[in-house]
Amino acid sequence: MPTTNDAAALALAALAATLTDERRARRFLDLTGLEVDELRDRAVSGDASLLAAVLAFLESHEPDLVAVAQAVGVTPAALVAARAGLEG
């Protein structure tokens, strides 16, 4: 299992990849109820619950999980393990 710092860094990369796809970004914001400013503030502060939520969001839709994993250069399992590490 990745360390908390590794998991957070991976989750931040996944968040960035999520936000580069307009459809995926809108769905994430709609489902979480987050506003862009709150998302930015929480991401910058390294909020573990936000980072875990990003990864859980991706896990809930396998095509997104696979696409983001490819975009950040890891396996989908690495994103799942990162979420577990952030929640752990």
PDB file of N, CA and C in Angstrom:
ATOM      1  N   MET A   1       0.850  -1.176   0.000  1.00  0.00           N
ATOM      2  CA  MET A   1       0.000   0.000   0.000  1.00  0.00           C
ATOM      3  C   MET A   1       0.899   1.244   0.000  1.00  0.00           C
ATOM      4  N   PRO A   2       0.522   2.271  -0.784  1.00  0.00           N
ATOM      5  CA  PRO A   2       1.368   3.467  -0.848  1.00  0.00           C
ATOM      6  C   PRO A   2       1.342   4.240   0.462  1.00  0.00           C
ATOM      7  N   THR A   3       2.416   5.008   0.706  1.00  0.00           N
ATOM      8  CA  THR A   3       2.411   5.871   1.882  1.00  0.00           C
ATOM      9  C   THR A   3       1.369   6.955   1.680  1.00  0.00           C
ATOM     10  N   THR A   4       1.020   7.638   2.763  1.00  0.00           N
ATOM     11  CA  THR A   4       0.028   8.708   2.675  1.00  0.00           C
ATOM     12  C   THR A   4       0.475   9.794   1.700  1.00  0.00           C
ATOM     13  N   ASN A   5       1.758  10.154   1.737  1.00  0.00           N
ATOM     14  CA  ASN A   5       2.252  11.171   0.806  1.00  0.00           C
ATOM     15  C   ASN A   5       2.168  10.697  -0.636  1.00  0.00           C
ATOM     16  N   ASP A   6       2.532   9.451  -0.882  1.00  0.00           N
ATOM     17  CA  ASP A   6       2.429   8.903  -2.238  1.00  0.00           C
ATOM     18  C   ASP A   6       0.973   8.856  -2.694  1.00  0.00           C
ATOM     19  N   ALA A   7       0.100   8.433  -1.801  1.00  0.00           N
ATOM     20  CA  ALA A   7      -1.322   8.350  -2.130  1.00  0.00           C
ATOM     21  C   ALA A   7      -1.882   9.732  -2.428  1.00  0.00           C
ATOM     22  N   ALA A   8      -1.497  10.718  -1.639  1.00  0.00           N
ATOM     23  CA  ALA A   8      -1.976  12.084  -1.860  1.00  0.00           C
ATOM     24  C   ALA A   8      -1.466  12.634  -3.191  1.00  0.00           C
ATOM     25  N   ALA A   9      -0.221  12.390  -3.494  1.00  0.00           N
ATOM     26  CA  ALA A   9       0.339  12.865  -4.763  1.00  0.00           C
ATOM     27  C   ALA A   9      -0.366  12.199  -5.939  1.00  0.00           C
ATOM     28  N   LEU A  10      -0.623  10.913  -5.837  1.00  0.00           N
ATOM     29  CA  LEU A  10      -1.321  10.199  -6.892  1.00  0.00           C
ATOM     30  C   LEU A  10      -2.756  10.714  -7.036  1.00  0.00           C
ATOM     31  N   ALA A  11      -3.414  10.954  -5.914  1.00  0.00           N
ATOM     32  CA  ALA A  11      -4.778  11.472  -5.955  1.00  0.00           C
ATOM     33  C   ALA A  11      -4.824  12.872  -6.558  1.00  0.00           C
ATOM     34  N   LEU A  12      -3.831  13.697  -6.266  1.00  0.00           N
ATOM     35  CA  LEU A  12      -3.777  15.027  -6.880  1.00  0.00           C
ATOM     36  C   LEU A  12      -3.593  14.925  -8.389  1.00  0.00           C
ATOM     37  N   ALA A  13      -2.763  14.000  -8.825  1.00  0.00           N
ATOM     38  CA  ALA A  13      -2.583  13.787 -10.262  1.00  0.00           C
ATOM     39  C   ALA A  13      -3.891  13.301 -10.887  1.00  0.00           C
ATOM     40  N   ALA A  14      -4.588  12.425 -10.185  1.00  0.00           N
ATOM     41  CA  ALA A  14      -5.877  11.927 -10.678  1.00  0.00           C
ATOM     42  C   ALA A  14      -6.910  13.052 -10.728  1.00  0.00           C
ATOM     43  N   LEU A  15      -6.886  13.927  -9.747  1.00  0.00           N
ATOM     44  CA  LEU A  15      -7.797  15.076  -9.755  1.00  0.00           C
ATOM     45  C   LEU A  15      -7.519  15.955 -10.968  1.00  0.00           C
ATOM     46  N   ALA A  16      -6.256  16.238 -11.213  1.00  0.00           N
ATOM     47  CA  ALA A  16      -5.897  17.063 -12.372  1.00  0.00           C
ATOM     48  C   ALA A  16      -6.376  16.404 -13.662  1.00  0.00           C
ATOM     49  N   ALA A  17      -6.174  15.107 -13.794  1.00  0.00           N
ATOM     50  CA  ALA A  17      -6.619  14.394 -14.992  1.00  0.00           C
ATOM     51  C   ALA A  17      -8.141  14.390 -15.089  1.00  0.00           C
ATOM     52  N   THR A  18      -8.804  14.279 -13.967  1.00  0.00           N
ATOM     53  CA  THR A  18     -10.266  14.318 -13.945  1.00  0.00           C
ATOM     54  C   THR A  18     -10.769  15.659 -14.446  1.00  0.00           C
ATOM     55  N   LEU A  19     -10.120  16.720 -14.013  1.00  0.00           N
ATOM     56  CA  LEU A  19     -10.582  18.063 -14.354  1.00  0.00           C
ATOM     57  C   LEU A  19     -10.255  18.469 -15.789  1.00  0.00           C
ATOM     58  N   THR A  20      -9.377  17.718 -16.451  1.00  0.00           N
ATOM     59  CA  THR A  20      -9.064  18.055 -17.842  1.00  0.00           C
ATOM     60  C   THR A  20     -10.134  17.563 -18.807  1.00  0.00           C
ATOM     61  N   ASP A  21     -10.997  16.688 -18.346  1.00  0.00           N
ATOM     62  CA  ASP A  21     -12.103  16.199 -19.162  1.00  0.00           C
ATOM     63  C   ASP A  21     -13.374  16.918 -18.686  1.00  0.00           C
ATOM     64  N   GLU A  22     -13.940  17.764 -19.538  1.00  0.00           N
ATOM     65  CA  GLU A  22     -15.065  18.610 -19.127  1.00  0.00           C
ATOM     66  C   GLU A  22     -16.257  17.806 -18.614  1.00  0.00           C
ATOM     67  N   ARG A  23     -16.600  16.735 -19.299  1.00  0.00           N
ATOM     68  CA  ARG A  23     -17.739  15.907 -18.870  1.00  0.00           C
ATOM     69  C   ARG A  23     -17.486  15.288 -17.501  1.00  0.00           C
ATOM     70  N   ARG A  24     -16.303  14.736 -17.334  1.00  0.00           N
ATOM     71  CA  ARG A  24     -15.950  14.097 -16.066  1.00  0.00           C
ATOM     72  C   ARG A  24     -15.883  15.124 -14.946  1.00  0.00           C
ATOM     73  N   ALA A  25     -15.301  16.274 -15.232  1.00  0.00           N
ATOM     74  CA  ALA A  25     -15.186  17.335 -14.222  1.00  0.00           C
ATOM     75  C   ALA A  25     -16.562  17.808 -13.780  1.00  0.00           C
ATOM     76  N   ARG A  26     -17.458  18.044 -14.725  1.00  0.00           N
ATOM     77  CA  ARG A  26     -18.813  18.513 -14.387  1.00  0.00           C
ATOM     78  C   ARG A  26     -19.535  17.483 -13.551  1.00  0.00           C
ATOM     79  N   ARG A  27     -19.410  16.207 -13.932  1.00  0.00           N
ATOM     80  CA  ARG A  27     -20.079  15.145 -13.162  1.00  0.00           C
ATOM     81  C   ARG A  27     -19.533  15.075 -11.748  1.00  0.00           C
ATOM     82  N   PHE A  28     -18.212  15.217 -11.605  1.00  0.00           N
ATOM     83  CA  PHE A  28     -17.607  15.192 -10.271  1.00  0.00           C
ATOM     84  C   PHE A  28     -18.139  16.354  -9.426  1.00  0.00           C
ATOM     85  N   LEU A  29     -18.145  17.540  -9.981  1.00  0.00           N
ATOM     86  CA  LEU A  29     -18.641  18.702  -9.235  1.00  0.00           C
ATOM     87  C   LEU A  29     -20.124  18.564  -8.910  1.00  0.00           C
ATOM     88  N   ASP A  30     -20.902  18.083  -9.855  1.00  0.00           N
ATOM     89  CA  ASP A  30     -22.339  17.898  -9.616  1.00  0.00           C
ATOM     90  C   ASP A  30     -22.599  16.862  -8.530  1.00  0.00           C
ATOM     91  N   LEU A  31     -21.887  15.763  -8.574  1.00  0.00           N
ATOM     92  CA  LEU A  31     -22.104  14.693  -7.591  1.00  0.00           C
ATOM     93  C   LEU A  31     -21.630  15.076  -6.192  1.00  0.00           C
ATOM     94  N   THR A  32     -20.553  15.833  -6.112  1.00  0.00           N
ATOM     95  CA  THR A  32     -20.022  16.197  -4.798  1.00  0.00           C
ATOM     96  C   THR A  32     -20.646  17.461  -4.233  1.00  0.00           C
ATOM     97  N   GLY A  33     -21.210  18.298  -5.116  1.00  0.00           N
ATOM     98  CA  GLY A  33     -21.762  19.566  -4.654  1.00  0.00           C
ATOM     99  C   GLY A  33     -20.695  20.613  -4.381  1.00  0.00           C
ATOM    100  N   LEU A  34     -19.460  20.312  -4.736  1.00  0.00           N
ATOM    101  CA  LEU A  34     -18.371  21.259  -4.505  1.00  0.00           C
ATOM    102  C   LEU A  34     -18.418  22.392  -5.519  1.00  0.00           C
ATOM    103  N   GLU A  35     -18.047  23.561  -5.074  1.00  0.00           N
ATOM    104  CA  GLU A  35     -17.839  24.690  -5.966  1.00  0.00           C
ATOM    105  C   GLU A  35     -16.357  24.708  -6.330  1.00  0.00           C
ATOM    106  N   VAL A  36     -16.022  25.336  -7.428  1.00  0.00           N
ATOM    107  CA  VAL A  36     -14.641  25.347  -7.918  1.00  0.00           C
ATOM    108  C   VAL A  36     -13.681  25.926  -6.880  1.00  0.00           C
ATOM    109  N   ASP A  37     -14.046  27.019  -6.221  1.00  0.00           N
ATOM    110  CA  ASP A  37     -13.161  27.635  -5.231  1.00  0.00           C
ATOM    111  C   ASP A  37     -12.907  26.708  -4.042  1.00  0.00           C
ATOM    112  N   GLU A  38     -13.959  26.040  -3.583  1.00  0.00           N
ATOM    113  CA  GLU A  38     -13.795  25.100  -2.471  1.00  0.00           C
ATOM    114  C   GLU A  38     -12.916  23.922  -2.890  1.00  0.00           C
ATOM    115  N   LEU A  39     -13.145  23.427  -4.094  1.00  0.00           N
ATOM    116  CA  LEU A  39     -12.326  22.328  -4.605  1.00  0.00           C
ATOM    117  C   LEU A  39     -10.861  22.731  -4.641  1.00  0.00           C
ATOM    118  N   ARG A  40     -10.588  23.904  -5.166  1.00  0.00           N
ATOM    119  CA  ARG A  40      -9.205  24.398  -5.257  1.00  0.00           C
ATOM    120  C   ARG A  40      -8.578  24.503  -3.863  1.00  0.00           C
ATOM    121  N   ASP A  41      -9.297  25.132  -2.932  1.00  0.00           N
ATOM    122  CA  ASP A  41      -8.769  25.320  -1.579  1.00  0.00           C
ATOM    123  C   ASP A  41      -8.471  23.985  -0.901  1.00  0.00           C
ATOM    124  N   ARG A  42      -9.397  23.057  -1.023  1.00  0.00           N
ATOM    125  CA  ARG A  42      -9.208  21.762  -0.370  1.00  0.00           C
ATOM    126  C   ARG A  42      -8.108  20.954  -1.035  1.00  0.00           C
ATOM    127  N   ALA A  43      -7.985  21.054  -2.351  1.00  0.00           N
ATOM    128  CA  ALA A  43      -6.919  20.337  -3.055  1.00  0.00           C
ATOM    129  C   ALA A  43      -5.558  20.894  -2.673  1.00  0.00           C
ATOM    130  N   VAL A  44      -5.445  22.212  -2.637  1.00  0.00           N
ATOM    131  CA  VAL A  44      -4.174  22.855  -2.286  1.00  0.00           C
ATOM    132  C   VAL A  44      -3.751  22.484  -0.870  1.00  0.00           C
ATOM    133  N   SER A  45      -4.719  22.355   0.027  1.00  0.00           N
ATOM    134  CA  SER A  45      -4.386  22.015   1.415  1.00  0.00           C
ATOM    135  C   SER A  45      -4.112  20.524   1.597  1.00  0.00           C
ATOM    136  N   GLY A  46      -4.342  19.736   0.538  1.00  0.00           N
ATOM    137  CA  GLY A  46      -4.086  18.295   0.644  1.00  0.00           C
ATOM    138  C   GLY A  46      -5.133  17.565   1.458  1.00  0.00           C
ATOM    139  N   ASP A  47      -6.354  18.059   1.464  1.00  0.00           N
ATOM    140  CA  ASP A  47      -7.460  17.471   2.224  1.00  0.00           C
ATOM    141  C   ASP A  47      -7.635  15.996   1.839  1.00  0.00           C
ATOM    142  N   ALA A  48      -7.287  15.103   2.766  1.00  0.00           N
ATOM    143  CA  ALA A  48      -7.321  13.661   2.490  1.00  0.00           C
ATOM    144  C   ALA A  48      -8.721  13.177   2.135  1.00  0.00           C
ATOM    145  N   SER A  49      -9.750  13.739   2.756  1.00  0.00           N
ATOM    146  CA  SER A  49     -11.101  13.283   2.450  1.00  0.00           C
ATOM    147  C   SER A  49     -11.504  13.669   1.028  1.00  0.00           C
ATOM    148  N   LEU A  50     -11.090  14.835   0.576  1.00  0.00           N
ATOM    149  CA  LEU A  50     -11.358  15.234  -0.807  1.00  0.00           C
ATOM    150  C   LEU A  50     -10.604  14.322  -1.771  1.00  0.00           C
ATOM    151  N   LEU A  51      -9.336  14.080  -1.487  1.00  0.00           N
ATOM    152  CA  LEU A  51      -8.524  13.249  -2.371  1.00  0.00           C
ATOM    153  C   LEU A  51      -9.071  11.835  -2.449  1.00  0.00           C
ATOM    154  N   ALA A  52      -9.514  11.300  -1.318  1.00  0.00           N
ATOM    155  CA  ALA A  52     -10.126   9.968  -1.325  1.00  0.00           C
ATOM    156  C   ALA A  52     -11.434   9.987  -2.106  1.00  0.00           C
ATOM    157  N   ALA A  53     -12.201  11.072  -1.996  1.00  0.00           N
ATOM    158  CA  ALA A  53     -13.469  11.193  -2.727  1.00  0.00           C
ATOM    159  C   ALA A  53     -13.249  11.213  -4.236  1.00  0.00           C
ATOM    160  N   VAL A  54     -12.179  11.864  -4.675  1.00  0.00           N
ATOM    161  CA  VAL A  54     -11.856  11.877  -6.105  1.00  0.00           C
ATOM    162  C   VAL A  54     -11.628  10.449  -6.590  1.00  0.00           C
ATOM    163  N   LEU A  55     -10.859   9.703  -5.843  1.00  0.00           N
ATOM    164  CA  LEU A  55     -10.550   8.330  -6.248  1.00  0.00           C
ATOM    165  C   LEU A  55     -11.779   7.430  -6.157  1.00  0.00           C
ATOM    166  N   ALA A  56     -12.609   7.638  -5.145  1.00  0.00           N
ATOM    167  CA  ALA A  56     -13.854   6.865  -5.034  1.00  0.00           C
ATOM    168  C   ALA A  56     -14.788   7.184  -6.202  1.00  0.00           C
ATOM    169  N   PHE A  57     -14.833   8.450  -6.595  1.00  0.00           N
ATOM    170  CA  PHE A  57     -15.616   8.868  -7.750  1.00  0.00           C
ATOM    171  C   PHE A  57     -15.154   8.105  -8.995  1.00  0.00           C
ATOM    172  N   LEU A  58     -13.859   8.027  -9.195  1.00  0.00           N
ATOM    173  CA  LEU A  58     -13.329   7.312 -10.353  1.00  0.00           C
ATOM    174  C   LEU A  58     -13.647   5.829 -10.277  1.00  0.00           C
ATOM    175  N   GLU A  59     -13.532   5.261  -9.085  1.00  0.00           N
ATOM    176  CA  GLU A  59     -13.825   3.836  -8.908  1.00  0.00           C
ATOM    177  C   GLU A  59     -15.275   3.504  -9.243  1.00  0.00           C
ATOM    178  N   SER A  60     -16.164   4.463  -9.059  1.00  0.00           N
ATOM    179  CA  SER A  60     -17.586   4.202  -9.270  1.00  0.00           C
ATOM    180  C   SER A  60     -17.956   4.092 -10.756  1.00  0.00           C
ATOM    181  N   HIS A  61     -17.022   4.459 -11.629  1.00  0.00           N
ATOM    182  CA  HIS A  61     -17.273   4.372 -13.075  1.00  0.00           C
ATOM    183  C   HIS A  61     -15.998   3.864 -13.739  1.00  0.00           C
ATOM    184  N   GLU A  62     -15.962   2.570 -13.997  1.00  0.00           N
ATOM    185  CA  GLU A  62     -14.734   1.931 -14.467  1.00  0.00           C
ATOM    186  C   GLU A  62     -14.087   2.604 -15.682  1.00  0.00           C
ATOM    187  N   PRO A  63     -14.856   3.053 -16.681  1.00  0.00           N
ATOM    188  CA  PRO A  63     -14.192   3.723 -17.813  1.00  0.00           C
ATOM    189  C   PRO A  63     -13.399   4.969 -17.379  1.00  0.00           C
ATOM    190  N   ASP A  64     -13.922   5.711 -16.420  1.00  0.00           N
ATOM    191  CA  ASP A  64     -13.188   6.872 -15.903  1.00  0.00           C
ATOM    192  C   ASP A  64     -11.952   6.434 -15.132  1.00  0.00           C
ATOM    193  N   LEU A  65     -12.092   5.401 -14.327  1.00  0.00           N
ATOM    194  CA  LEU A  65     -10.959   4.884 -13.556  1.00  0.00           C
ATOM    195  C   LEU A  65      -9.827   4.471 -14.497  1.00  0.00           C
ATOM    196  N   VAL A  66     -10.163   3.749 -15.529  1.00  0.00           N
ATOM    197  CA  VAL A  66      -9.155   3.271 -16.477  1.00  0.00           C
ATOM    198  C   VAL A  66      -8.533   4.449 -17.228  1.00  0.00           C
ATOM    199  N   ALA A  67      -9.361   5.380 -17.692  1.00  0.00           N
ATOM    200  CA  ALA A  67      -8.854   6.522 -18.454  1.00  0.00           C
ATOM    201  C   ALA A  67      -7.922   7.390 -17.621  1.00  0.00           C
ATOM    202  N   VAL A  68      -8.296   7.657 -16.387  1.00  0.00           N
ATOM    203  CA  VAL A  68      -7.454   8.497 -15.529  1.00  0.00           C
ATOM    204  C   VAL A  68      -6.185   7.743 -15.142  1.00  0.00           C
ATOM    205  N   ALA A  69      -6.286   6.464 -14.865  1.00  0.00           N
ATOM    206  CA  ALA A  69      -5.089   5.676 -14.554  1.00  0.00           C
ATOM    207  C   ALA A  69      -4.099   5.746 -15.714  1.00  0.00           C
ATOM    208  N   GLN A  70      -4.597   5.601 -16.928  1.00  0.00           N
ATOM    209  CA  GLN A  70      -3.722   5.700 -18.097  1.00  0.00           C
ATOM    210  C   GLN A  70      -3.125   7.096 -18.207  1.00  0.00           C
ATOM    211  N   ALA A  71      -3.933   8.108 -17.945  1.00  0.00           N
ATOM    212  CA  ALA A  71      -3.463   9.494 -18.062  1.00  0.00           C
ATOM    213  C   ALA A  71      -2.335   9.806 -17.083  1.00  0.00           C
ATOM    214  N   VAL A  72      -2.383   9.201 -15.898  1.00  0.00           N
ATOM    215  CA  VAL A  72      -1.344   9.483 -14.899  1.00  0.00           C
ATOM    216  C   VAL A  72      -0.256   8.412 -14.872  1.00  0.00           C
ATOM    217  N   GLY A  73      -0.398   7.395 -15.722  1.00  0.00           N
ATOM    218  CA  GLY A  73       0.649   6.402 -15.861  1.00  0.00           C
ATOM    219  C   GLY A  73       0.731   5.357 -14.771  1.00  0.00           C
ATOM    220  N   VAL A  74      -0.433   4.985 -14.233  1.00  0.00           N
ATOM    221  CA  VAL A  74      -0.473   3.931 -13.214  1.00  0.00           C
ATOM    222  C   VAL A  74      -1.585   2.944 -13.578  1.00  0.00           C
ATOM    223  N   THR A  75      -1.659   1.879 -12.839  1.00  0.00           N
ATOM    224  CA  THR A  75      -2.746   0.922 -13.033  1.00  0.00           C
ATOM    225  C   THR A  75      -3.980   1.397 -12.270  1.00  0.00           C
ATOM    226  N   PRO A  76      -5.154   0.957 -12.693  1.00  0.00           N
ATOM    227  CA  PRO A  76      -6.344   1.265 -11.904  1.00  0.00           C
ATOM    228  C   PRO A  76      -6.217   0.778 -10.455  1.00  0.00           C
ATOM    229  N   ALA A  77      -5.568  -0.346 -10.267  1.00  0.00           N
ATOM    230  CA  ALA A  77      -5.385  -0.875  -8.914  1.00  0.00           C
ATOM    231  C   ALA A  77      -4.574   0.078  -8.039  1.00  0.00           C
ATOM    232  N   ALA A  78      -3.644   0.800  -8.640  1.00  0.00           N
ATOM    233  CA  ALA A  78      -2.857   1.769  -7.867  1.00  0.00           C
ATOM    234  C   ALA A  78      -3.733   2.902  -7.363  1.00  0.00           C
ATOM    235  N   LEU A  79      -4.710   3.323  -8.169  1.00  0.00           N
ATOM    236  CA  LEU A  79      -5.630   4.367  -7.711  1.00  0.00           C
ATOM    237  C   LEU A  79      -6.519   3.850  -6.584  1.00  0.00           C
ATOM    238  N   VAL A  80      -6.965   2.616  -6.709  1.00  0.00           N
ATOM    239  CA  VAL A  80      -7.786   2.011  -5.655  1.00  0.00           C
ATOM    240  C   VAL A  80      -6.983   1.899  -4.363  1.00  0.00           C
ATOM    241  N   ALA A  81      -5.730   1.470  -4.470  1.00  0.00           N
ATOM    242  CA  ALA A  81      -4.872   1.350  -3.284  1.00  0.00           C
ATOM    243  C   ALA A  81      -4.612   2.719  -2.662  1.00  0.00           C
ATOM    244  N   ALA A  82      -4.465   3.734  -3.485  1.00  0.00           N
ATOM    245  CA  ALA A  82      -4.249   5.084  -2.967  1.00  0.00           C
ATOM    246  C   ALA A  82      -5.462   5.548  -2.167  1.00  0.00           C
ATOM    247  N   ARG A  83      -6.669   5.261  -2.684  1.00  0.00           N
ATOM    248  CA  ARG A  83      -7.868   5.635  -1.935  1.00  0.00           C
ATOM    249  C   ARG A  83      -7.899   4.944  -0.585  1.00  0.00           C
ATOM    250  N   ALA A  84      -7.597   3.657  -0.586  1.00  0.00           N
ATOM    251  CA  ALA A  84      -7.591   2.913   0.678  1.00  0.00           C
ATOM    252  C   ALA A  84      -6.577   3.516   1.646  1.00  0.00           C
ATOM    253  N   GLY A  85      -5.419   3.911   1.119  1.00  0.00           N
ATOM    254  CA  GLY A  85      -4.401   4.522   1.968  1.00  0.00           C
ATOM    255  C   GLY A  85      -4.844   5.856   2.547  1.00  0.00           C
ATOM    256  N   LEU A  86      -5.554   6.638   1.758  1.00  0.00           N
ATOM    257  CA  LEU A  86      -6.036   7.938   2.244  1.00  0.00           C
ATOM    258  C   LEU A  86      -7.153   7.788   3.263  1.00  0.00           C
ATOM    259  N   GLU A  87      -7.944   6.751   3.101  1.00  0.00           N
ATOM    260  CA  GLU A  87      -9.051   6.515   4.035  1.00  0.00           C
ATOM    261  C   GLU A  87      -8.594   5.787   5.285  1.00  0.00           C
ATOM    262  N   GLY A  88      -7.448   5.109   5.178  1.00  0.00           N
ATOM    263  CA  GLY A  88      -6.969   4.239   6.237  1.00  0.00           C
ATOM    264  C   GLY A  88      -6.531   4.919   7.440  1.00  0.00           C
TER     265      GLY A  88
END
